[in-house]
């Protein structure tokens, strides 16, 4: 295939093929015949602990500050379009892909952006390479419900149009096979705060709270499938707006890895009011659902 002048390919497809270039054939006589394109093996299993969660995030006490470059290489930015105008899967909140806000603004999910740290690189002249990949399939949990700004089973799985190989800027996060106690961990949340002018990925430290703290404020809260966290101080949950990850760290030394503990669901809009916790989808509760919806 002439990947230098492809026909009928979208820009996203061209970017993926360019991303897969992995060497040159020294015996090739023309540039077209010299380029190797590596095709990843397909699979329906989660990455192992020696592959996922391999970064060095700063799990100290932090309060809504800018994240280090490539600190969270599993972060992706969801890109939408208006209807009027080897990473293969992405986990997000269901309300980020269906629901009232998207319907009211006539928006549809178009693609995801991997390897993004600073969103102002979209318009600035600075070099911030990232990769946009179109979403091929969206699977929303069959039990997802929405009522008065609160959600249940708020989780969705996005299958990318093409698998993406790992780089320094693009890596998977680990998922645990079962629920894990979080109360003694410093949890890290990260995201792009829409209430701030800064377009840099920010991060903050939160602690799990007593489920009663969320139940008192949100009667629909369910501790079996949701995590109550944050609000111990003003602004600590502002890094976790809609679909942002809540992360923990396990192991030590060469066996250390970062795992996904939750996904921001609701309550984070009150992040500048101290004392108000946020609600996060508990990933451990949905581990079997996630694995059941993976495909080669």
Protein backbone atom coordinates (compact mmCIF):
# COMPACT_ATOMS: atom_id res chain seq x y z
CA UNK A 1 0.00 0.00 0.00
CA UNK A 2 1.28 3.46 -0.79
CA UNK A 3 0.95 4.93 2.68
CA UNK A 4 2.64 8.09 1.47
CA UNK A 5 -0.29 8.87 -0.83
CA UNK A 6 -3.20 6.79 0.51
CA UNK A 7 -6.54 6.95 -1.22
CA UNK A 8 -9.83 7.11 0.61
CA UNK A 9 -8.22 7.32 4.05
CA UNK A 10 -9.25 9.78 6.72
CA UNK A 11 -6.67 11.98 8.39
CA UNK A 12 -7.04 9.87 11.54
CA UNK A 13 -6.21 6.71 9.55
CA UNK A 14 -3.17 8.41 8.01
CA UNK A 15 -1.99 9.45 11.47
CA UNK A 16 -2.34 5.90 12.79
CA UNK A 17 -0.28 4.44 9.92
CA UNK A 18 2.36 7.10 10.43
CA UNK A 19 2.36 6.27 14.15
CA UNK A 20 2.97 2.58 13.33
CA UNK A 21 6.10 3.17 11.25
CA UNK A 22 8.80 1.19 13.02
CA UNK A 23 11.85 1.08 10.77
CA UNK A 24 13.35 1.14 7.29
CA UNK A 25 14.38 -1.66 4.94
CA UNK A 26 18.03 -1.01 4.04
CA UNK A 27 17.58 -3.05 0.84
CA UNK A 28 14.69 -0.95 -0.43
CA UNK A 29 15.37 1.03 -3.59
CA UNK A 30 12.57 3.55 -3.18
CA UNK A 31 11.23 5.32 -0.11
CA UNK A 32 7.88 3.61 -0.64
CA UNK A 33 9.48 0.17 -0.27
CA UNK A 34 11.73 1.13 2.64
CA UNK A 35 9.13 1.93 5.29
CA UNK A 36 8.13 -0.79 7.77
CA UNK A 37 4.66 -0.53 9.33
CA UNK A 38 4.21 -2.72 12.40
CA UNK A 39 0.72 -4.10 12.94
CA UNK A 40 -0.10 -4.82 16.61
CA UNK A 41 -1.49 -8.19 17.64
CA UNK A 42 -5.18 -8.12 18.51
CA UNK A 43 -6.37 -9.38 21.85
CA UNK A 44 -9.28 -9.31 24.26
CA UNK A 45 -7.31 -9.31 27.51
CA UNK A 46 -6.13 -6.55 29.80
CA UNK A 47 -2.42 -5.62 29.83
CA UNK A 48 -0.33 -7.27 32.54
CA UNK A 49 1.12 -5.44 35.54
CA UNK A 50 4.58 -5.32 33.94
CA UNK A 51 3.13 -3.30 31.06
CA UNK A 52 0.37 -1.12 32.49
CA UNK A 53 0.68 1.71 34.99
CA UNK A 54 4.39 2.12 34.33
CA UNK A 55 5.18 5.74 35.03
CA UNK A 56 6.44 7.78 37.95
CA UNK A 57 3.53 9.97 39.09
CA UNK A 58 4.14 12.10 42.15
CA UNK A 59 1.76 10.58 44.69
CA UNK A 60 2.30 13.26 47.32
CA UNK A 61 -0.29 15.63 48.72
CA UNK A 62 -1.21 18.00 45.90
CA UNK A 63 -3.90 20.59 45.48
CA UNK A 64 -5.07 21.13 41.90
CA UNK A 65 -1.66 21.85 40.39
CA UNK A 66 -0.28 21.28 36.91
CA UNK A 67 0.73 17.70 36.18
CA UNK A 68 4.24 16.91 35.00
CA UNK A 69 4.72 16.26 31.28
CA UNK A 70 3.82 12.62 30.48
CA UNK A 71 3.00 11.98 34.16
CA UNK A 72 -0.27 10.28 33.20
CA UNK A 73 0.29 8.74 29.74
CA UNK A 74 -3.06 6.88 29.89
CA UNK A 75 -5.06 10.14 29.87
CA UNK A 76 -7.12 10.78 26.75
CA UNK A 77 -9.16 13.76 25.67
CA UNK A 78 -12.60 13.07 24.20
CA UNK A 79 -13.23 15.07 21.03
CA UNK A 80 -16.75 15.92 19.91
CA UNK A 81 -18.20 17.35 16.74
CA UNK A 82 -21.42 19.24 16.14
CA UNK A 83 -23.83 17.38 13.88
CA UNK A 84 -24.45 20.60 12.10
CA UNK A 85 -21.13 21.59 11.01
CA UNK A 86 -2.26 -0.88 21.10
CA UNK A 87 -4.42 0.84 23.13
CA UNK A 88 -7.73 -0.22 21.68
CA UNK A 89 -10.12 0.73 24.49
CA UNK A 90 -10.80 3.83 26.55
CA UNK A 91 -12.84 3.88 29.77
CA UNK A 92 -14.93 6.94 30.53
CA UNK A 93 -18.16 7.98 32.21
CA UNK A 94 -21.34 7.03 30.37
CA UNK A 95 -22.70 10.56 30.73
CA UNK A 96 -19.73 11.78 28.65
CA UNK A 97 -20.95 9.87 25.59
CA UNK A 98 -24.76 9.98 25.91
CA UNK A 99 -27.19 12.17 27.77
CA UNK A 100 -28.75 15.57 28.11
CA UNK A 101 -25.78 17.87 27.61
CA UNK A 102 -24.77 16.25 24.32
CA UNK A 103 -28.36 16.17 23.08
CA UNK A 104 -29.02 19.79 24.05
CA UNK A 105 -25.90 20.97 22.23
CA UNK A 106 -26.31 18.55 19.30
CA UNK A 107 -22.91 16.97 19.91
CA UNK A 108 -21.66 13.49 19.08
CA UNK A 109 -18.46 11.84 20.22
CA UNK A 110 -16.06 11.73 17.28
CA UNK A 111 -12.60 10.68 18.42
CA UNK A 112 -10.13 10.55 21.29
CA UNK A 113 -6.81 12.32 21.63
CA UNK A 114 -3.91 10.38 23.13
CA UNK A 115 -0.63 11.81 24.36
CA UNK A 116 -2.13 15.22 25.20
CA UNK A 117 -0.88 17.33 28.10
CA UNK A 118 -1.59 20.90 27.03
CA UNK A 119 -4.75 21.54 25.06
CA UNK A 120 -3.67 25.01 23.88
CA UNK A 121 -1.33 23.20 21.48
CA UNK A 122 -4.44 22.82 19.31
CA UNK A 123 -4.10 26.46 18.29
CA UNK A 124 -0.60 27.48 19.35
CA UNK A 125 2.54 27.08 17.30
CA UNK A 126 4.41 25.11 19.97
CA UNK A 127 5.20 21.49 19.17
CA UNK A 128 3.05 19.16 21.29
CA UNK A 129 2.61 15.95 19.27
CA UNK A 130 -0.49 13.91 19.98
CA UNK A 131 -2.54 11.29 18.18
CA UNK A 132 -6.24 11.54 17.30
CA UNK A 133 -8.04 8.23 16.74
CA UNK A 134 -11.68 7.88 15.76
CA UNK A 135 -14.04 5.96 18.02
CA UNK A 136 -15.24 2.79 16.31
CA UNK A 137 -17.74 1.54 18.88
CA UNK A 138 -19.26 2.85 22.11
CA UNK A 139 -20.55 0.45 24.76
CA UNK A 140 -22.56 2.05 27.57
CA UNK A 141 -23.38 0.00 30.65
CA UNK A 142 -26.86 -1.44 30.26
CA UNK A 143 -27.82 -0.23 33.74
CA UNK A 144 -26.83 3.41 33.23
CA UNK A 145 -29.46 5.85 34.51
CA UNK A 146 -29.54 9.60 35.00
CA UNK A 147 -31.70 11.57 37.40
CA UNK A 148 -31.35 15.17 38.54
CA UNK A 149 -27.65 15.43 37.77
CA UNK A 150 -26.77 12.14 39.47
CA UNK A 151 -25.95 8.84 37.78
CA UNK A 152 -25.83 5.11 38.37
CA UNK A 153 -23.63 2.61 36.52
CA UNK A 154 -21.91 5.62 34.97
CA UNK A 155 -19.35 3.81 32.85
CA UNK A 156 -18.72 3.38 29.12
CA UNK A 157 -16.13 1.56 27.03
CA UNK A 158 -14.85 3.12 23.81
CA UNK A 159 -13.32 0.82 21.20
CA UNK A 160 -10.94 2.75 18.97
CA UNK A 161 -11.09 2.42 15.20
CA UNK A 162 -7.46 1.26 15.27
CA UNK A 163 -5.25 -0.16 18.03
CA UNK A 164 -2.44 2.17 19.06
CA UNK A 165 1.02 1.00 20.10
CA UNK A 166 2.61 2.23 23.29
CA UNK A 167 5.01 5.17 23.41
CA UNK A 168 6.43 7.31 26.20
CA UNK A 169 3.37 9.55 25.91
CA UNK A 170 0.76 6.81 25.34
CA UNK A 171 0.49 3.92 27.79
CA UNK A 172 -2.27 1.89 29.50
CA UNK A 173 -3.26 2.09 33.15
CA UNK A 174 -3.79 -1.09 35.19
CA UNK A 175 -7.20 -2.48 36.14
CA UNK A 176 -7.47 -4.72 39.19
CA UNK A 177 -9.32 -8.01 38.93
CA UNK A 178 -11.33 -7.34 42.08
CA UNK A 179 -12.28 -4.53 44.44
CA UNK A 180 -9.47 -3.16 46.58
CA UNK A 181 -9.79 -1.10 49.80
CA UNK A 182 -9.00 2.54 49.13
CA UNK A 183 -9.45 4.19 52.51
CA UNK A 184 -5.73 4.20 53.40
CA UNK A 185 -4.48 5.39 50.00
CA UNK A 186 -3.61 8.82 48.70
CA UNK A 187 -5.66 8.85 45.52
CA UNK A 188 -4.71 11.03 42.58
CA UNK A 189 -7.18 12.59 40.16
CA UNK A 190 -6.27 14.31 36.93
CA UNK A 191 -8.05 16.17 34.17
CA UNK A 192 -8.58 19.43 32.33
CA UNK A 193 -10.49 21.83 34.58
CA UNK A 194 -13.02 23.73 32.40
CA UNK A 195 -13.46 26.37 35.12
CA UNK A 196 -9.86 27.56 34.74
CA UNK A 197 -8.20 29.48 31.93
CA UNK A 198 -5.21 27.11 32.06
CA UNK A 199 -5.34 24.39 29.40
CA UNK A 200 -2.68 22.22 31.02
CA UNK A 201 -3.54 18.87 32.58
CA UNK A 202 -3.92 19.35 36.33
CA UNK A 203 -3.78 16.88 39.18
CA UNK A 204 -4.82 16.75 42.81
CA UNK A 205 -4.79 14.42 45.81
CA UNK A 206 -8.02 13.19 47.40
CA UNK A 207 -8.90 10.66 50.08
CA UNK A 208 -11.81 8.27 50.19
CA UNK A 209 -14.54 9.41 52.57
CA UNK A 210 -17.17 7.69 54.62
CA UNK A 211 -20.00 6.64 52.25
CA UNK A 212 -22.43 8.37 54.61
CA UNK A 213 -20.91 11.72 53.60
CA UNK A 214 -22.10 11.18 50.04
CA UNK A 215 -25.36 9.49 50.98
CA UNK A 216 -26.34 12.50 53.10
CA UNK A 217 -25.86 14.83 50.15
CA UNK A 218 -26.79 12.50 47.28
CA UNK A 219 -29.63 10.10 48.25
CA UNK A 220 -29.02 8.02 45.11
CA UNK A 221 -25.41 7.22 46.13
CA UNK A 222 -24.63 3.49 46.27
CA UNK A 223 -21.42 2.45 48.04
CA UNK A 224 -21.34 -0.94 46.30
CA UNK A 225 -20.70 0.62 42.89
CA UNK A 226 -19.51 4.14 43.73
CA UNK A 227 -16.66 5.79 45.64
CA UNK A 228 -17.13 8.85 47.83
CA UNK A 229 -13.98 10.98 47.83
CA UNK A 230 -12.60 14.49 48.02
CA UNK A 231 -13.97 17.71 49.44
CA UNK A 232 -11.59 17.66 52.37
CA UNK A 233 -10.32 21.00 51.19
CA UNK A 234 -11.40 23.64 48.72
CA UNK A 235 -10.59 22.80 45.11
CA UNK A 236 -9.25 19.29 45.65
CA UNK A 237 -11.72 17.64 43.24
CA UNK A 238 -11.50 20.29 40.51
CA UNK A 239 -9.01 18.17 38.59
CA UNK A 240 -11.63 15.44 38.21
CA UNK A 241 -14.38 16.76 35.98
CA UNK A 242 -16.59 14.22 34.11
CA UNK A 243 -14.81 11.02 33.20
CA UNK A 244 -11.48 11.86 34.81
CA UNK A 245 -9.60 8.99 36.48
CA UNK A 246 -9.09 8.38 40.18
CA UNK A 247 -5.78 6.54 40.53
CA UNK A 248 -4.01 4.56 43.22
CA UNK A 249 -0.59 3.01 43.40
CA UNK A 250 0.36 -0.54 44.45
CA UNK A 251 3.56 -2.46 44.92
CA UNK A 252 7.04 -1.04 45.37
CA UNK A 253 10.26 -0.81 43.41
CA UNK A 254 10.17 -2.68 40.10
CA UNK A 255 6.77 -4.15 41.02
CA UNK A 256 5.12 -0.75 41.47
CA UNK A 257 2.21 0.15 39.19
CA UNK A 258 -0.65 2.62 38.97
CA UNK A 259 -4.22 1.34 38.84
CA UNK A 260 -7.56 2.90 37.97
CA UNK A 261 -9.73 3.07 41.09
CA UNK A 262 -12.60 5.20 39.81
CA UNK A 263 -14.04 7.53 37.17
CA UNK A 264 -15.41 10.97 38.01
CA UNK A 265 -19.20 10.82 37.83
CA UNK A 266 -20.90 13.74 39.59
CA UNK A 267 -20.55 16.25 42.42
CA UNK A 268 -17.27 17.65 41.13
CA UNK A 269 -19.04 20.82 40.00
CA UNK A 270 -18.99 21.87 43.66
CA UNK A 271 -15.23 21.49 43.84
CA UNK A 272 -14.57 25.04 45.03
CA UNK A 273 -16.81 24.52 48.05
CA UNK A 274 -14.85 22.82 50.83
CA UNK A 275 -16.60 19.91 52.49
CA UNK A 276 -18.60 18.70 49.48
CA UNK A 277 -17.40 15.30 48.23
CA UNK A 278 -17.49 13.97 44.69
CA UNK A 279 -18.91 10.65 43.49
CA UNK A 280 -16.82 8.30 41.36
CA UNK A 281 -17.73 5.10 39.56
CA UNK A 282 -16.01 2.21 41.39
CA UNK A 283 -13.96 0.38 38.76
CA UNK A 284 -13.49 -2.80 40.81
CA UNK A 285 -17.25 -3.32 40.85
CA UNK A 286 -17.33 -3.30 37.04
CA UNK A 287 -14.21 -5.37 36.28
CA UNK A 288 -16.20 -8.36 34.98
CA UNK A 289 -18.37 -6.10 32.80
CA UNK A 290 -15.26 -4.51 31.32
CA UNK A 291 -13.62 -7.86 30.49
CA UNK A 292 -16.88 -9.23 29.06
CA UNK A 293 -17.05 -6.34 26.58
CA UNK A 294 -13.50 -6.60 25.24
CA UNK A 295 -13.11 -8.09 21.78
CA UNK A 296 -10.07 -9.02 19.64
